[in-house]
Amino acid sequence: MRFSDRQLFDALTATWIEVQRENPGDRYGGVRGEADFWRGFLNRVRALLDGGALTDDAFTMLADHFRRAESWAVFDDVIPVLDELARRGFALAIVSNWDSYLPQLLEKKGIAGRFAAVSVSAIERTGKPDAEIFLRTCRRLDVAPAEALHVGDSPREDLEGATSAGLQALLLDRKDQYRNIAHRIRSLAEIPAKLPAGSVRRPHTAPAVNL
């Protein structure tokens, strides 16, 4: 059976909300439990769609698809902004609620070497909006939280989480959904203008960019 994009989006969103409500600290089952996490998650999605169950073949096909680099795209504004921030001497990091495949994916996309630290919730066993993953990343960059700028697309996990941990933060609002939030940008291309001008050897602000 084929489902519409809207049906899939609604089922995925509803399932994610349910899973996080039931197990707020569950970040994809951790490093060793991710396959079971995703199998259970997708079974619940399928049940919402038509009451059916996910077959082993379907799970294998989906897992293989999302492990291929070509299944993922990097926004056009990412590389130019990373280049500009690196040119100006800012340390860069990723702070992401993702499974443990993210570092491999970054390597496959050719951008892993641009980041001084990559903090992934499934590996760290903690995730946004909890303060620990932000503070741990700041320690790896050797900067104080107040010296760091975090940019991400979730009002709760990124904006509120980072500011609660003592970091500066911007909400990336590509779809213009949060017009009532003051500290937001529509594109990563806006980041350089928000940072101190000039090139420095030791950054006074270390942007942590969540792709």
Protein backbone atom coordinates (compact mmCIF):
# COMPACT_ATOMS: atom_id res chain seq x y z
CA MET A 1 0.00 0.00 0.00
CA ARG A 2 1.21 3.51 -0.78
CA PHE A 3 0.67 6.40 1.59
CA SER A 4 0.67 10.13 0.88
CA ASP A 5 3.46 12.41 2.10
CA ARG A 6 0.95 13.99 4.48
CA GLN A 7 -0.09 10.66 5.94
CA LEU A 8 3.55 9.66 6.49
CA PHE A 9 4.44 13.01 8.03
CA ASP A 10 1.49 12.90 10.43
CA ALA A 11 2.18 9.30 11.47
CA LEU A 12 5.90 9.92 11.96
CA THR A 13 5.26 13.09 13.98
CA ALA A 14 2.60 11.50 16.19
CA THR A 15 4.79 8.47 16.87
CA TRP A 16 7.82 10.59 17.73
CA ILE A 17 5.77 12.65 20.20
CA GLU A 18 4.44 9.47 21.83
CA VAL A 19 7.89 7.87 22.12
CA GLN A 20 9.46 10.98 23.65
CA ARG A 21 6.56 11.37 26.07
CA GLU A 22 6.92 7.76 27.21
CA ASN A 23 10.73 7.79 27.44
CA PRO A 24 12.04 11.38 27.57
CA GLY A 25 15.65 10.27 27.93
CA ASP A 26 15.56 7.64 25.16
CA ARG A 27 17.89 8.84 22.40
CA TYR A 28 17.46 6.12 19.74
CA GLY A 29 18.17 3.33 22.18
CA GLY A 30 21.82 4.23 22.67
CA VAL A 31 24.70 2.97 20.61
CA ARG A 32 23.82 -0.73 20.86
CA GLY A 33 20.03 -0.52 20.87
CA GLU A 34 19.31 1.56 17.81
CA ALA A 35 18.09 -1.23 15.52
CA ASP A 36 15.50 -2.31 18.09
CA PHE A 37 14.50 1.32 18.68
CA TRP A 38 13.91 2.00 15.00
CA ARG A 39 12.13 -1.31 14.40
CA GLY A 40 9.70 -0.55 17.22
CA PHE A 41 9.32 3.05 16.10
CA LEU A 42 8.51 2.12 12.51
CA ASN A 43 6.11 -0.60 13.60
CA ARG A 44 4.18 2.02 15.51
CA VAL A 45 4.17 4.31 12.47
CA ARG A 46 2.82 1.50 10.31
CA ALA A 47 0.14 0.67 12.89
CA LEU A 48 -1.05 4.27 12.81
CA LEU A 49 -1.19 4.26 9.01
CA ASP A 50 -3.22 1.10 8.43
CA GLY A 51 -2.99 -1.17 11.47
CA GLY A 52 -0.35 -3.34 9.79
CA ALA A 53 3.12 -4.38 10.89
CA LEU A 54 6.51 -3.65 9.38
CA THR A 55 8.08 -6.65 7.62
CA ASP A 56 11.73 -7.61 8.08
CA ASP A 57 12.36 -6.91 4.40
CA ALA A 58 10.83 -3.43 4.67
CA PHE A 59 12.94 -2.63 7.73
CA THR A 60 16.12 -3.78 6.03
CA MET A 61 15.31 -1.72 2.94
CA LEU A 62 14.65 1.42 5.02
CA ALA A 63 17.77 0.93 7.15
CA ASP A 64 19.93 0.51 4.04
CA HIS A 65 18.38 3.58 2.44
CA PHE A 66 19.15 5.87 5.38
CA ARG A 67 22.71 4.57 5.66
CA ARG A 68 23.51 5.79 2.13
CA ALA A 69 25.10 9.23 1.87
CA GLU A 70 23.08 10.07 -1.24
CA SER A 71 19.88 9.80 0.80
CA TRP A 72 20.86 12.98 2.63
CA ALA A 73 21.41 16.52 1.36
CA VAL A 74 23.37 19.46 2.76
CA PHE A 75 21.57 22.82 2.53
CA ASP A 76 23.14 25.25 0.08
CA ASP A 77 23.95 27.78 2.81
CA VAL A 78 25.96 25.33 4.95
CA ILE A 79 29.36 25.09 3.23
CA PRO A 80 29.77 28.84 2.47
CA VAL A 81 28.99 29.72 6.09
CA LEU A 82 31.32 27.06 7.49
CA ASP A 83 34.07 28.35 5.21
CA GLU A 84 33.52 31.94 6.34
CA LEU A 85 33.44 31.05 10.04
CA ALA A 86 36.60 28.96 9.70
CA ARG A 87 38.31 31.81 7.84
CA ARG A 88 37.52 34.11 10.74
CA GLY A 89 38.94 31.67 13.27
CA PHE A 90 35.80 30.41 14.96
CA ALA A 91 35.75 26.88 16.36
CA LEU A 92 32.86 24.80 15.02
CA ALA A 93 30.96 21.93 16.58
CA ILE A 94 27.84 19.87 16.02
CA VAL A 95 25.40 19.23 18.85
CA SER A 96 22.72 16.88 17.59
CA ASN A 97 19.94 14.61 18.79
CA TRP A 98 20.74 11.77 16.40
CA ASP A 99 21.74 8.12 16.35
CA SER A 100 25.35 6.98 16.35
CA TYR A 101 25.56 6.91 12.54
CA LEU A 102 25.91 10.69 12.32
CA PRO A 103 29.76 10.81 12.50
CA GLN A 104 29.96 8.29 9.64
CA LEU A 105 27.44 10.26 7.61
CA LEU A 106 29.45 13.47 8.09
CA GLU A 107 32.53 11.62 6.82
CA LYS A 108 30.67 10.33 3.79
CA LYS A 109 29.37 13.83 3.01
CA GLY A 110 32.92 15.18 3.23
CA ILE A 111 32.30 17.68 6.03
CA ALA A 112 33.40 15.88 9.21
CA GLY A 113 36.83 17.56 9.20
CA ARG A 114 35.25 21.01 9.46
CA PHE A 115 34.21 20.42 13.08
CA ALA A 116 36.39 20.41 16.17
CA ALA A 117 33.75 18.42 18.08
CA VAL A 118 30.73 16.31 17.18
CA SER A 119 28.39 15.58 20.10
CA VAL A 120 25.64 13.08 19.23
CA SER A 121 22.93 12.22 21.73
CA ALA A 122 22.98 8.45 21.15
CA ILE A 123 26.74 8.33 21.77
CA GLU A 124 26.80 10.85 24.61
CA ARG A 125 23.79 9.21 26.30
CA THR A 126 22.37 12.68 26.86
CA GLY A 127 20.73 15.10 24.47
CA LYS A 128 19.10 18.45 23.92
CA PRO A 129 17.43 20.22 25.69
CA ASP A 130 19.41 18.86 28.68
CA ALA A 131 22.30 21.16 29.56
CA GLU A 132 24.95 18.43 29.75
CA ILE A 133 25.42 17.90 26.00
CA PHE A 134 25.91 21.65 25.49
CA LEU A 135 28.32 21.99 28.42
CA ARG A 136 30.27 18.89 27.38
CA THR A 137 30.72 20.35 23.89
CA CYS A 138 31.91 23.67 25.29
CA ARG A 139 34.53 21.85 27.34
CA ARG A 140 35.74 20.06 24.22
CA LEU A 141 36.07 23.41 22.46
CA ASP A 142 37.75 24.92 25.54
CA VAL A 143 35.28 27.81 25.72
CA ALA A 144 32.93 29.00 28.43
CA PRO A 145 29.20 28.53 27.68
CA ALA A 146 28.72 32.30 27.50
CA GLU A 147 31.34 32.41 24.73
CA ALA A 148 29.46 29.91 22.57
CA LEU A 149 26.66 30.41 20.07
CA HIS A 150 24.34 27.51 19.31
CA VAL A 151 22.17 27.49 16.18
CA GLY A 152 19.38 24.97 15.67
CA ASP A 153 15.85 24.60 14.37
CA SER A 154 13.90 23.55 17.47
CA PRO A 155 12.54 26.23 19.83
CA ARG A 156 12.62 23.84 22.79
CA GLU A 157 15.67 21.65 22.15
CA ASP A 158 17.92 24.26 20.56
CA LEU A 159 16.87 27.76 21.60
CA GLU A 160 15.59 27.03 25.11
CA GLY A 161 18.04 24.19 25.74
CA ALA A 162 21.12 26.20 24.79
CA THR A 163 20.12 29.37 26.62
CA SER A 164 19.25 27.37 29.75
CA ALA A 165 22.79 25.97 29.63
CA GLY A 166 24.22 29.49 29.48
CA LEU A 167 24.99 29.65 25.75
CA GLN A 168 23.94 32.29 23.28
CA ALA A 169 21.43 30.87 20.80
CA LEU A 170 19.69 31.52 17.51
CA LEU A 171 16.68 29.67 16.14
CA LEU A 172 17.04 28.61 12.51
CA ASP A 173 13.55 29.17 11.11
CA ARG A 174 13.80 28.22 7.43
CA LYS A 175 10.02 27.98 6.99
CA ASP A 176 9.22 31.27 8.77
CA GLN A 177 7.09 29.52 11.39
CA TYR A 178 8.17 31.37 14.53
CA ARG A 179 7.73 35.05 13.80
CA ASN A 180 7.12 35.80 17.49
CA ILE A 181 10.66 34.67 18.43
CA ALA A 182 13.19 37.49 18.39
CA HIS A 183 16.40 35.48 18.26
CA ARG A 184 15.86 33.73 14.96
CA ILE A 185 17.37 33.59 11.50
CA ARG A 186 15.93 32.34 8.22
CA SER A 187 19.23 31.09 6.82
CA LEU A 188 22.66 30.11 8.13
CA ALA A 189 23.99 32.86 5.89
CA GLU A 190 22.85 35.33 8.58
CA ILE A 191 25.24 33.91 11.20
CA PRO A 192 28.44 35.83 10.27
CA ALA A 193 26.70 39.17 10.74
CA LYS A 194 25.73 38.12 14.28
CA LEU A 195 29.35 37.48 15.32
CA PRO A 196 32.29 39.78 16.12
CA ALA A 197 33.98 41.16 13.01
CA GLY A 198 37.53 40.28 12.02
CA SER A 199 39.67 37.20 12.15
CA VAL A 200 40.95 35.82 15.44
CA ARG A 201 43.32 33.00 16.36
CA ARG A 202 41.53 32.00 19.54
CA PRO A 203 37.79 32.48 19.16
CA HIS A 204 35.85 34.47 21.69
CA THR A 205 32.70 32.88 20.33
CA ALA A 206 32.55 29.27 19.18
CA PRO A 207 29.47 28.60 17.11
CA ALA A 208 27.99 25.13 17.51
CA VAL A 209 26.07 24.58 14.29
CA ASN A 210 23.41 21.88 14.27
CA LEU A 211 22.93 20.78 10.65
